[in-house]
N, C-alpha and C. Protein backbone atom coordinates (compact mmCIF):
# COMPACT_ATOMS: atom_id res chain seq x y z
N MET A 1 10.13 -3.33 24.66
CA MET A 1 10.84 -4.57 24.52
C MET A 1 11.49 -4.90 25.85
N SER A 2 11.40 -6.13 26.22
CA SER A 2 11.98 -6.58 27.48
C SER A 2 13.51 -6.66 27.35
N ILE A 3 14.18 -6.02 28.29
CA ILE A 3 15.65 -6.06 28.28
C ILE A 3 16.13 -7.49 28.49
N ARG A 4 15.45 -8.21 29.36
CA ARG A 4 15.86 -9.60 29.62
C ARG A 4 15.76 -10.45 28.36
N LEU A 5 14.73 -10.20 27.54
CA LEU A 5 14.59 -10.94 26.29
C LEU A 5 15.74 -10.61 25.33
N VAL A 6 16.08 -9.35 25.24
CA VAL A 6 17.16 -8.93 24.34
C VAL A 6 18.51 -9.48 24.80
N LEU A 7 18.69 -9.65 26.10
CA LEU A 7 19.98 -10.13 26.62
C LEU A 7 20.14 -11.65 26.55
N LEU A 8 19.12 -12.36 26.05
CA LEU A 8 19.24 -13.81 25.90
C LEU A 8 20.30 -14.15 24.86
N PRO A 9 20.82 -15.39 24.89
CA PRO A 9 21.77 -15.81 23.85
C PRO A 9 21.11 -15.77 22.46
N TRP A 10 21.92 -15.80 21.42
CA TRP A 10 21.40 -15.64 20.05
C TRP A 10 20.36 -16.70 19.71
N TRP A 11 20.59 -17.94 20.12
CA TRP A 11 19.67 -19.01 19.76
C TRP A 11 18.33 -18.84 20.47
N ALA A 12 18.33 -18.36 21.71
CA ALA A 12 17.07 -18.16 22.43
C ALA A 12 16.30 -16.98 21.83
N ARG A 13 17.02 -15.92 21.42
CA ARG A 13 16.35 -14.79 20.75
C ARG A 13 15.73 -15.25 19.44
N THR A 14 16.43 -16.11 18.72
CA THR A 14 15.92 -16.61 17.44
C THR A 14 14.67 -17.45 17.66
N VAL A 15 14.67 -18.31 18.68
CA VAL A 15 13.50 -19.12 18.98
C VAL A 15 12.31 -18.23 19.35
N CYS A 16 12.54 -17.22 20.18
CA CYS A 16 11.47 -16.30 20.58
C CYS A 16 10.93 -15.53 19.38
N ALA A 17 11.82 -15.04 18.53
CA ALA A 17 11.39 -14.29 17.34
C ALA A 17 10.61 -15.18 16.38
N THR A 18 11.06 -16.43 16.23
CA THR A 18 10.35 -17.36 15.36
C THR A 18 8.96 -17.65 15.91
N GLY A 19 8.88 -17.89 17.20
CA GLY A 19 7.57 -18.13 17.81
C GLY A 19 6.64 -16.94 17.65
N LEU A 20 7.17 -15.75 17.81
CA LEU A 20 6.37 -14.53 17.66
C LEU A 20 5.85 -14.39 16.24
N THR A 21 6.70 -14.58 15.25
CA THR A 21 6.26 -14.42 13.86
C THR A 21 5.28 -15.51 13.46
N TRP A 22 5.48 -16.73 13.93
CA TRP A 22 4.54 -17.80 13.62
C TRP A 22 3.20 -17.52 14.29
N LEU A 23 3.23 -17.00 15.50
CA LEU A 23 1.99 -16.66 16.19
C LEU A 23 1.20 -15.62 15.40
N VAL A 24 1.87 -14.60 14.92
CA VAL A 24 1.20 -13.55 14.14
C VAL A 24 0.67 -14.13 12.83
N ALA A 25 1.46 -14.95 12.15
CA ALA A 25 1.03 -15.51 10.87
C ALA A 25 -0.18 -16.41 11.05
N PHE A 26 -0.15 -17.28 12.04
CA PHE A 26 -1.27 -18.19 12.21
C PHE A 26 -2.48 -17.50 12.82
N ALA A 27 -2.27 -16.41 13.55
CA ALA A 27 -3.41 -15.61 14.00
C ALA A 27 -4.10 -14.98 12.80
N GLY A 28 -3.31 -14.53 11.83
CA GLY A 28 -3.89 -14.00 10.60
C GLY A 28 -4.69 -15.05 9.84
N LEU A 29 -4.16 -16.27 9.79
CA LEU A 29 -4.90 -17.36 9.14
C LEU A 29 -6.18 -17.69 9.91
N ALA A 30 -6.11 -17.64 11.23
CA ALA A 30 -7.30 -17.90 12.04
C ALA A 30 -8.36 -16.84 11.81
N VAL A 31 -7.94 -15.59 11.65
CA VAL A 31 -8.90 -14.52 11.35
C VAL A 31 -9.57 -14.79 10.01
N GLN A 32 -8.80 -15.19 9.01
CA GLN A 32 -9.39 -15.51 7.71
C GLN A 32 -10.39 -16.65 7.82
N HIS A 33 -10.03 -17.66 8.61
CA HIS A 33 -10.93 -18.79 8.80
C HIS A 33 -12.19 -18.36 9.55
N ALA A 34 -12.04 -17.49 10.55
CA ALA A 34 -13.20 -17.01 11.31
C ALA A 34 -14.12 -16.16 10.44
N ARG A 35 -13.56 -15.50 9.46
CA ARG A 35 -14.38 -14.69 8.55
C ARG A 35 -15.18 -15.56 7.59
N GLY A 36 -14.91 -16.85 7.60
CA GLY A 36 -15.64 -17.75 6.74
C GLY A 36 -14.98 -17.98 5.39
N HIS A 37 -13.77 -17.50 5.22
CA HIS A 37 -13.08 -17.69 3.95
C HIS A 37 -12.38 -19.05 3.89
N GLY A 38 -12.30 -19.73 5.02
CA GLY A 38 -11.57 -20.99 5.05
C GLY A 38 -10.08 -20.74 4.89
N PHE A 39 -9.33 -21.81 4.85
CA PHE A 39 -7.90 -21.62 4.68
C PHE A 39 -7.58 -21.47 3.20
N GLY A 40 -8.08 -22.33 2.37
CA GLY A 40 -7.92 -22.19 0.93
C GLY A 40 -6.51 -21.89 0.46
N ILE A 41 -5.54 -22.36 1.19
CA ILE A 41 -4.15 -22.10 0.83
C ILE A 41 -3.53 -23.42 0.40
N PRO A 42 -2.90 -23.45 -0.76
CA PRO A 42 -2.24 -24.68 -1.19
C PRO A 42 -1.03 -24.98 -0.30
N PRO A 43 -0.55 -26.21 -0.33
CA PRO A 43 0.61 -26.55 0.51
C PRO A 43 1.81 -25.64 0.27
N LEU A 44 2.03 -25.23 -0.98
CA LEU A 44 3.14 -24.32 -1.26
C LEU A 44 2.94 -22.99 -0.54
N GLY A 45 1.69 -22.57 -0.38
CA GLY A 45 1.40 -21.33 0.35
C GLY A 45 1.84 -21.42 1.80
N PHE A 46 1.57 -22.57 2.43
CA PHE A 46 2.00 -22.75 3.81
C PHE A 46 3.52 -22.76 3.91
N VAL A 47 4.18 -23.36 2.92
CA VAL A 47 5.65 -23.37 2.91
C VAL A 47 6.18 -21.95 2.78
N LEU A 48 5.56 -21.16 1.90
CA LEU A 48 6.00 -19.77 1.73
C LEU A 48 5.73 -18.94 2.98
N ILE A 49 4.60 -19.18 3.64
CA ILE A 49 4.31 -18.47 4.90
C ILE A 49 5.37 -18.84 5.94
N GLY A 50 5.69 -20.13 6.04
CA GLY A 50 6.71 -20.57 6.99
C GLY A 50 8.07 -19.97 6.68
N ALA A 51 8.44 -19.93 5.40
CA ALA A 51 9.73 -19.35 5.01
C ALA A 51 9.75 -17.85 5.31
N GLY A 52 8.65 -17.18 5.03
CA GLY A 52 8.57 -15.75 5.34
C GLY A 52 8.71 -15.49 6.83
N CYS A 53 8.07 -16.35 7.63
CA CYS A 53 8.19 -16.21 9.09
C CYS A 53 9.63 -16.37 9.54
N LEU A 54 10.32 -17.35 8.96
CA LEU A 54 11.72 -17.56 9.34
C LEU A 54 12.60 -16.38 8.94
N ILE A 55 12.34 -15.79 7.78
CA ILE A 55 13.13 -14.64 7.34
C ILE A 55 12.88 -13.45 8.27
N VAL A 56 11.61 -13.19 8.57
CA VAL A 56 11.29 -12.08 9.48
C VAL A 56 11.88 -12.34 10.86
N ALA A 57 11.81 -13.59 11.33
CA ALA A 57 12.38 -13.93 12.64
C ALA A 57 13.89 -13.70 12.66
N ALA A 58 14.56 -14.04 11.57
CA ALA A 58 16.01 -13.81 11.51
C ALA A 58 16.32 -12.32 11.56
N LEU A 59 15.54 -11.51 10.85
CA LEU A 59 15.76 -10.06 10.89
C LEU A 59 15.52 -9.49 12.29
N ILE A 60 14.47 -9.98 12.95
CA ILE A 60 14.19 -9.53 14.32
C ILE A 60 15.34 -9.93 15.24
N ALA A 61 15.80 -11.17 15.12
CA ALA A 61 16.90 -11.63 15.98
C ALA A 61 18.17 -10.82 15.74
N ILE A 62 18.42 -10.44 14.50
CA ILE A 62 19.60 -9.61 14.20
C ILE A 62 19.45 -8.24 14.85
N ALA A 63 18.27 -7.64 14.72
CA ALA A 63 18.04 -6.33 15.33
C ALA A 63 18.18 -6.42 16.85
N TRP A 64 17.64 -7.48 17.44
CA TRP A 64 17.78 -7.66 18.89
C TRP A 64 19.24 -7.83 19.27
N GLY A 65 20.03 -8.46 18.38
CA GLY A 65 21.46 -8.62 18.65
C GLY A 65 22.18 -7.28 18.74
N GLN A 66 21.80 -6.34 17.87
CA GLN A 66 22.40 -5.01 17.93
C GLN A 66 21.99 -4.30 19.22
N ASP A 67 20.72 -4.44 19.60
CA ASP A 67 20.27 -3.87 20.88
C ASP A 67 21.02 -4.51 22.04
N ARG A 68 21.25 -5.82 21.93
CA ARG A 68 21.95 -6.54 22.99
C ARG A 68 23.34 -5.96 23.23
N ASP A 69 24.03 -5.65 22.14
CA ASP A 69 25.37 -5.06 22.27
C ASP A 69 25.32 -3.73 23.01
N ARG A 70 24.31 -2.91 22.71
CA ARG A 70 24.18 -1.61 23.39
C ARG A 70 23.90 -1.81 24.88
N TYR A 71 23.00 -2.74 25.20
CA TYR A 71 22.68 -2.99 26.60
C TYR A 71 23.87 -3.56 27.36
N LEU A 72 24.60 -4.47 26.73
CA LEU A 72 25.78 -5.03 27.40
C LEU A 72 26.83 -3.96 27.64
N ASP A 73 26.96 -3.02 26.70
CA ASP A 73 27.88 -1.90 26.90
C ASP A 73 27.43 -1.05 28.08
N ALA A 74 26.12 -0.83 28.19
CA ALA A 74 25.60 -0.05 29.32
C ALA A 74 25.82 -0.78 30.64
N LEU A 75 25.73 -2.10 30.61
CA LEU A 75 25.92 -2.90 31.83
C LEU A 75 27.39 -3.11 32.17
N SER A 76 28.30 -2.66 31.33
CA SER A 76 29.72 -2.91 31.57
C SER A 76 30.24 -2.21 32.83
N VAL A 77 29.52 -1.22 33.34
CA VAL A 77 29.97 -0.54 34.56
C VAL A 77 29.68 -1.37 35.81
N THR A 78 28.82 -2.39 35.69
CA THR A 78 28.52 -3.24 36.85
C THR A 78 29.59 -4.31 36.97
N THR A 79 29.71 -4.87 38.19
CA THR A 79 30.76 -5.86 38.42
C THR A 79 30.24 -7.25 38.75
N SER A 80 28.95 -7.40 39.01
CA SER A 80 28.43 -8.73 39.36
C SER A 80 27.06 -8.93 38.71
N LYS A 81 26.63 -10.19 38.71
CA LYS A 81 25.32 -10.51 38.15
C LYS A 81 24.22 -9.86 38.98
N THR A 82 24.39 -9.78 40.27
CA THR A 82 23.40 -9.14 41.14
C THR A 82 23.24 -7.67 40.77
N GLU A 83 24.35 -6.99 40.54
CA GLU A 83 24.28 -5.58 40.14
C GLU A 83 23.59 -5.43 38.78
N ARG A 84 23.89 -6.36 37.86
CA ARG A 84 23.24 -6.29 36.55
C ARG A 84 21.74 -6.46 36.68
N MET A 85 21.31 -7.42 37.49
CA MET A 85 19.87 -7.66 37.66
C MET A 85 19.20 -6.46 38.34
N GLN A 86 19.88 -5.85 39.30
CA GLN A 86 19.33 -4.65 39.95
C GLN A 86 19.20 -3.51 38.96
N ALA A 87 20.19 -3.36 38.09
CA ALA A 87 20.15 -2.29 37.08
C ALA A 87 19.00 -2.51 36.10
N ILE A 88 18.81 -3.74 35.66
CA ILE A 88 17.72 -4.05 34.74
C ILE A 88 16.38 -3.76 35.41
N ALA A 89 16.25 -4.16 36.67
CA ALA A 89 14.99 -3.92 37.39
C ALA A 89 14.73 -2.43 37.62
N ALA A 90 15.78 -1.64 37.74
CA ALA A 90 15.62 -0.21 38.05
C ALA A 90 15.39 0.65 36.81
N VAL A 91 15.43 0.07 35.63
CA VAL A 91 15.28 0.88 34.42
C VAL A 91 13.93 1.57 34.37
N ARG A 92 12.87 0.88 34.68
CA ARG A 92 11.53 1.44 34.52
C ARG A 92 10.84 1.81 35.83
N ARG A 93 11.15 1.10 36.90
CA ARG A 93 10.39 1.36 38.14
C ARG A 93 11.20 0.94 39.35
N GLY A 94 10.62 1.21 40.49
CA GLY A 94 11.26 0.82 41.73
C GLY A 94 12.09 1.94 42.32
N PRO A 95 12.63 1.69 43.48
CA PRO A 95 13.46 2.72 44.12
C PRO A 95 14.76 2.93 43.35
N VAL A 96 15.29 4.12 43.47
CA VAL A 96 16.57 4.43 42.82
C VAL A 96 17.66 3.66 43.55
N PRO A 97 18.47 2.91 42.83
CA PRO A 97 19.53 2.13 43.48
C PRO A 97 20.53 3.03 44.21
N GLU A 98 20.99 2.54 45.34
CA GLU A 98 21.99 3.29 46.10
C GLU A 98 23.38 3.16 45.51
N ASN A 99 23.66 2.02 44.91
CA ASN A 99 24.97 1.78 44.31
C ASN A 99 25.12 2.65 43.05
N PRO A 100 26.15 3.49 42.98
CA PRO A 100 26.30 4.37 41.82
C PRO A 100 26.52 3.62 40.50
N ARG A 101 27.17 2.44 40.55
CA ARG A 101 27.37 1.66 39.32
C ARG A 101 26.04 1.14 38.79
N VAL A 102 25.21 0.65 39.70
CA VAL A 102 23.89 0.15 39.31
C VAL A 102 23.04 1.29 38.77
N ARG A 103 23.10 2.42 39.44
CA ARG A 103 22.32 3.59 39.02
C ARG A 103 22.76 4.05 37.62
N GLU A 104 24.07 4.10 37.39
CA GLU A 104 24.58 4.53 36.09
C GLU A 104 24.19 3.55 34.99
N ALA A 105 24.29 2.25 35.26
CA ALA A 105 23.91 1.25 34.26
C ALA A 105 22.42 1.35 33.95
N ALA A 106 21.59 1.53 34.97
CA ALA A 106 20.15 1.67 34.74
C ALA A 106 19.85 2.92 33.93
N ALA A 107 20.53 4.02 34.23
CA ALA A 107 20.32 5.26 33.47
C ALA A 107 20.73 5.09 32.01
N ARG A 108 21.84 4.40 31.78
CA ARG A 108 22.29 4.17 30.40
C ARG A 108 21.28 3.32 29.62
N MET A 109 20.77 2.26 30.27
CA MET A 109 19.81 1.40 29.59
C MET A 109 18.49 2.14 29.34
N ALA A 110 18.05 2.94 30.29
CA ALA A 110 16.83 3.73 30.09
C ALA A 110 17.03 4.72 28.95
N GLN A 111 18.22 5.29 28.85
CA GLN A 111 18.52 6.22 27.75
C GLN A 111 18.49 5.49 26.41
N ILE A 112 18.97 4.26 26.37
CA ILE A 112 18.92 3.46 25.13
C ILE A 112 17.47 3.21 24.73
N GLN A 113 16.63 2.82 25.70
CA GLN A 113 15.22 2.59 25.40
C GLN A 113 14.54 3.88 24.95
N LEU A 114 14.87 4.97 25.59
CA LEU A 114 14.29 6.26 25.22
C LEU A 114 14.67 6.63 23.79
N GLY A 115 15.92 6.40 23.43
CA GLY A 115 16.35 6.67 22.06
C GLY A 115 15.62 5.81 21.05
N ALA A 116 15.34 4.56 21.41
CA ALA A 116 14.61 3.68 20.50
C ALA A 116 13.17 4.13 20.34
N ILE A 117 12.56 4.62 21.41
CA ILE A 117 11.17 5.06 21.33
C ILE A 117 11.07 6.38 20.56
N ARG A 118 12.04 7.25 20.73
CA ARG A 118 12.01 8.54 20.02
C ARG A 118 12.11 8.37 18.52
N GLY A 119 12.79 7.35 18.07
CA GLY A 119 13.00 7.16 16.64
C GLY A 119 11.90 6.37 15.96
N THR A 120 10.66 6.50 16.40
CA THR A 120 9.60 5.67 15.86
C THR A 120 8.54 6.48 15.11
N ARG A 121 8.95 7.48 14.36
CA ARG A 121 7.98 8.26 13.58
C ARG A 121 7.32 7.38 12.51
N ILE A 122 8.09 6.50 11.91
CA ILE A 122 7.53 5.58 10.92
C ILE A 122 6.51 4.68 11.58
N ALA A 123 6.80 4.21 12.78
CA ALA A 123 5.85 3.36 13.50
C ALA A 123 4.58 4.13 13.82
N THR A 124 4.68 5.41 14.16
CA THR A 124 3.50 6.20 14.46
C THR A 124 2.60 6.31 13.24
N VAL A 125 3.18 6.59 12.09
CA VAL A 125 2.39 6.68 10.86
C VAL A 125 1.80 5.32 10.52
N THR A 126 2.60 4.27 10.65
CA THR A 126 2.13 2.93 10.32
C THR A 126 0.98 2.51 11.23
N PHE A 127 1.12 2.74 12.54
CA PHE A 127 0.07 2.35 13.46
C PHE A 127 -1.19 3.18 13.23
N SER A 128 -1.05 4.45 12.88
CA SER A 128 -2.22 5.28 12.56
C SER A 128 -2.96 4.73 11.35
N LEU A 129 -2.20 4.35 10.32
CA LEU A 129 -2.83 3.76 9.14
C LEU A 129 -3.49 2.42 9.45
N LEU A 130 -2.85 1.62 10.29
CA LEU A 130 -3.44 0.33 10.65
C LEU A 130 -4.75 0.51 11.43
N VAL A 131 -4.78 1.49 12.32
CA VAL A 131 -6.03 1.78 13.05
C VAL A 131 -7.12 2.16 12.05
N ALA A 132 -6.79 3.05 11.13
CA ALA A 132 -7.78 3.50 10.15
C ALA A 132 -8.26 2.34 9.26
N ILE A 133 -7.33 1.50 8.82
CA ILE A 133 -7.70 0.38 7.95
C ILE A 133 -8.62 -0.59 8.68
N TRP A 134 -8.25 -0.97 9.91
CA TRP A 134 -9.06 -1.94 10.64
C TRP A 134 -10.42 -1.36 11.03
N LEU A 135 -10.47 -0.07 11.35
CA LEU A 135 -11.77 0.55 11.63
C LEU A 135 -12.63 0.58 10.37
N PHE A 136 -12.03 0.91 9.25
CA PHE A 136 -12.75 0.94 7.98
C PHE A 136 -13.31 -0.45 7.66
N GLN A 137 -12.48 -1.48 7.84
CA GLN A 137 -12.96 -2.84 7.59
C GLN A 137 -14.08 -3.21 8.56
N GLY A 138 -13.99 -2.74 9.80
CA GLY A 138 -15.05 -3.00 10.77
C GLY A 138 -16.35 -2.33 10.38
N VAL A 139 -16.27 -1.10 9.89
CA VAL A 139 -17.47 -0.40 9.44
C VAL A 139 -18.08 -1.12 8.24
N LEU A 140 -17.24 -1.53 7.30
CA LEU A 140 -17.76 -2.27 6.14
C LEU A 140 -18.43 -3.57 6.57
N ALA A 141 -17.84 -4.27 7.52
CA ALA A 141 -18.44 -5.51 8.00
C ALA A 141 -19.76 -5.24 8.72
N ALA A 142 -19.82 -4.16 9.49
CA ALA A 142 -21.07 -3.82 10.18
C ALA A 142 -22.16 -3.45 9.18
N LEU A 143 -21.80 -2.71 8.14
CA LEU A 143 -22.78 -2.34 7.12
C LEU A 143 -23.24 -3.56 6.32
N ASP A 144 -22.40 -4.58 6.27
CA ASP A 144 -22.74 -5.81 5.56
C ASP A 144 -23.43 -6.82 6.49
N HIS A 145 -23.81 -6.37 7.69
CA HIS A 145 -24.52 -7.18 8.69
C HIS A 145 -23.73 -8.41 9.12
N ARG A 146 -22.44 -8.19 9.40
CA ARG A 146 -21.58 -9.25 9.94
C ARG A 146 -21.02 -8.74 11.26
N PRO A 147 -21.79 -8.83 12.34
CA PRO A 147 -21.36 -8.22 13.61
C PRO A 147 -20.12 -8.88 14.21
N GLY A 148 -19.95 -10.17 14.05
CA GLY A 148 -18.77 -10.84 14.60
C GLY A 148 -17.49 -10.33 13.98
N GLU A 149 -17.50 -10.20 12.66
CA GLU A 149 -16.32 -9.69 11.97
C GLU A 149 -16.09 -8.21 12.30
N ALA A 150 -17.17 -7.46 12.44
CA ALA A 150 -17.04 -6.04 12.79
C ALA A 150 -16.40 -5.88 14.17
N LEU A 151 -16.81 -6.71 15.13
CA LEU A 151 -16.22 -6.65 16.47
C LEU A 151 -14.75 -7.07 16.45
N LEU A 152 -14.44 -8.09 15.68
CA LEU A 152 -13.05 -8.54 15.57
C LEU A 152 -12.18 -7.42 15.00
N ASN A 153 -12.64 -6.78 13.93
CA ASN A 153 -11.87 -5.68 13.33
C ASN A 153 -11.74 -4.51 14.30
N ALA A 154 -12.80 -4.20 15.02
CA ALA A 154 -12.74 -3.10 15.99
C ALA A 154 -11.76 -3.44 17.12
N GLY A 155 -11.73 -4.70 17.53
CA GLY A 155 -10.79 -5.12 18.58
C GLY A 155 -9.34 -4.99 18.12
N ILE A 156 -9.07 -5.39 16.89
CA ILE A 156 -7.71 -5.26 16.36
C ILE A 156 -7.33 -3.79 16.25
N ALA A 157 -8.28 -2.95 15.79
CA ALA A 157 -8.02 -1.51 15.71
C ALA A 157 -7.74 -0.93 17.10
N ALA A 158 -8.47 -1.42 18.10
CA ALA A 158 -8.26 -0.93 19.47
C ALA A 158 -6.86 -1.30 19.98
N LEU A 159 -6.37 -2.48 19.64
CA LEU A 159 -5.02 -2.87 20.04
C LEU A 159 -3.97 -1.94 19.42
N PHE A 160 -4.12 -1.65 18.14
CA PHE A 160 -3.18 -0.74 17.49
C PHE A 160 -3.30 0.67 18.05
N ALA A 161 -4.53 1.09 18.35
CA ALA A 161 -4.74 2.43 18.93
C ALA A 161 -4.10 2.53 20.31
N PHE A 162 -4.22 1.47 21.11
CA PHE A 162 -3.59 1.48 22.43
C PHE A 162 -2.07 1.62 22.31
N ALA A 163 -1.49 0.87 21.38
CA ALA A 163 -0.04 0.96 21.18
C ALA A 163 0.35 2.37 20.72
N LEU A 164 -0.47 2.97 19.88
CA LEU A 164 -0.19 4.31 19.38
C LEU A 164 -0.29 5.36 20.48
N VAL A 165 -1.31 5.24 21.32
CA VAL A 165 -1.54 6.23 22.38
C VAL A 165 -0.55 6.06 23.53
N SER A 166 -0.12 4.83 23.78
CA SER A 166 0.76 4.61 24.93
C SER A 166 2.21 5.04 24.68
N ALA A 167 2.60 5.22 23.42
CA ALA A 167 3.99 5.58 23.12
C ALA A 167 4.42 6.91 23.74
N PRO A 168 3.65 8.00 23.62
CA PRO A 168 4.08 9.26 24.26
C PRO A 168 4.14 9.16 25.78
N TRP A 169 3.20 8.43 26.36
CA TRP A 169 3.19 8.24 27.81
C TRP A 169 4.45 7.49 28.25
N THR A 170 4.80 6.45 27.50
CA THR A 170 6.01 5.69 27.81
C THR A 170 7.25 6.56 27.68
N ARG A 171 7.29 7.41 26.65
CA ARG A 171 8.43 8.33 26.48
C ARG A 171 8.58 9.24 27.69
N ARG A 172 7.46 9.82 28.14
CA ARG A 172 7.52 10.74 29.29
C ARG A 172 7.98 10.01 30.54
N ARG A 173 7.47 8.80 30.76
CA ARG A 173 7.88 8.03 31.94
C ARG A 173 9.37 7.70 31.89
N LEU A 174 9.85 7.27 30.74
CA LEU A 174 11.27 6.94 30.62
C LEU A 174 12.15 8.17 30.79
N GLN A 175 11.73 9.30 30.23
CA GLN A 175 12.51 10.53 30.37
C GLN A 175 12.59 10.93 31.84
N ALA A 176 11.46 10.83 32.55
CA ALA A 176 11.47 11.15 33.98
C ALA A 176 12.35 10.17 34.75
N ARG A 177 12.32 8.91 34.35
CA ARG A 177 13.15 7.91 35.03
C ARG A 177 14.63 8.17 34.80
N VAL A 178 15.00 8.54 33.57
CA VAL A 178 16.40 8.87 33.28
C VAL A 178 16.85 10.04 34.14
N GLU A 179 16.01 11.07 34.22
CA GLU A 179 16.36 12.24 35.03
C GLU A 179 16.49 11.86 36.51
N THR A 180 15.60 10.99 36.99
CA THR A 180 15.68 10.55 38.39
C THR A 180 16.96 9.76 38.64
N LEU A 181 17.29 8.86 37.72
CA LEU A 181 18.49 8.04 37.90
C LEU A 181 19.77 8.86 37.78
N ARG A 182 19.76 9.90 36.98
CA ARG A 182 20.96 10.71 36.76
C ARG A 182 21.12 11.84 37.77
N SER A 183 20.06 12.15 38.51
CA SER A 183 20.15 13.29 39.42
C SER A 183 21.15 13.00 40.53
N THR A 184 21.99 13.98 40.81
CA THR A 184 23.02 13.80 41.84
C THR A 184 22.51 14.20 43.22
N ASP A 185 21.45 14.99 43.25
CA ASP A 185 20.92 15.42 44.54
C ASP A 185 19.67 14.63 44.91
N ASN A 186 19.65 13.36 44.54
CA ASN A 186 18.51 12.51 44.83
C ASN A 186 18.42 12.27 46.33
N PRO A 187 17.25 12.52 46.94
CA PRO A 187 17.14 12.35 48.39
C PRO A 187 17.25 10.90 48.85
N SER A 188 17.04 9.94 47.95
CA SER A 188 17.11 8.55 48.39
C SER A 188 18.53 8.03 48.42
N LEU A 189 19.50 8.84 48.03
CA LEU A 189 20.89 8.38 48.02
C LEU A 189 21.58 8.62 49.33
């Protein structure tokens, strides 16, 4: 998750979350249409999809608000907007900041992200199941001689598999970055 996105005002986070949920919902409808099922949804169905998107968007915006509070607390050691921007930029990459306040804020934010990634066992199981489901649907489509649908399902499974495989790598990178930012004998200081 982008720290800059989480630090946006509440209304901007809500707009982004709404756009994201609508994008996912209408992508799902587009997949159904591409499969040849058509839309076949009554007007009330579209209203319910829209209402569901708004509810999910509100929940996402609330969760981002809680993350925002943690990030703002981590940034409280900085004294200027420039220092805050340097700390945000230093969380994942780049040279270790020379300013100890910026370095401490970046380390705190990286630790927050690391804690969020570590607590995703449910996401790991969910993504594994999603990969299996989409691969199974792709195999069924291939056996039914529908190559376009089989490729679409395989592509969706590949996206979920990439997210699943990249999580441990991201954890290791963030842990190394936290250690680099917290080290007192850093040669670049």
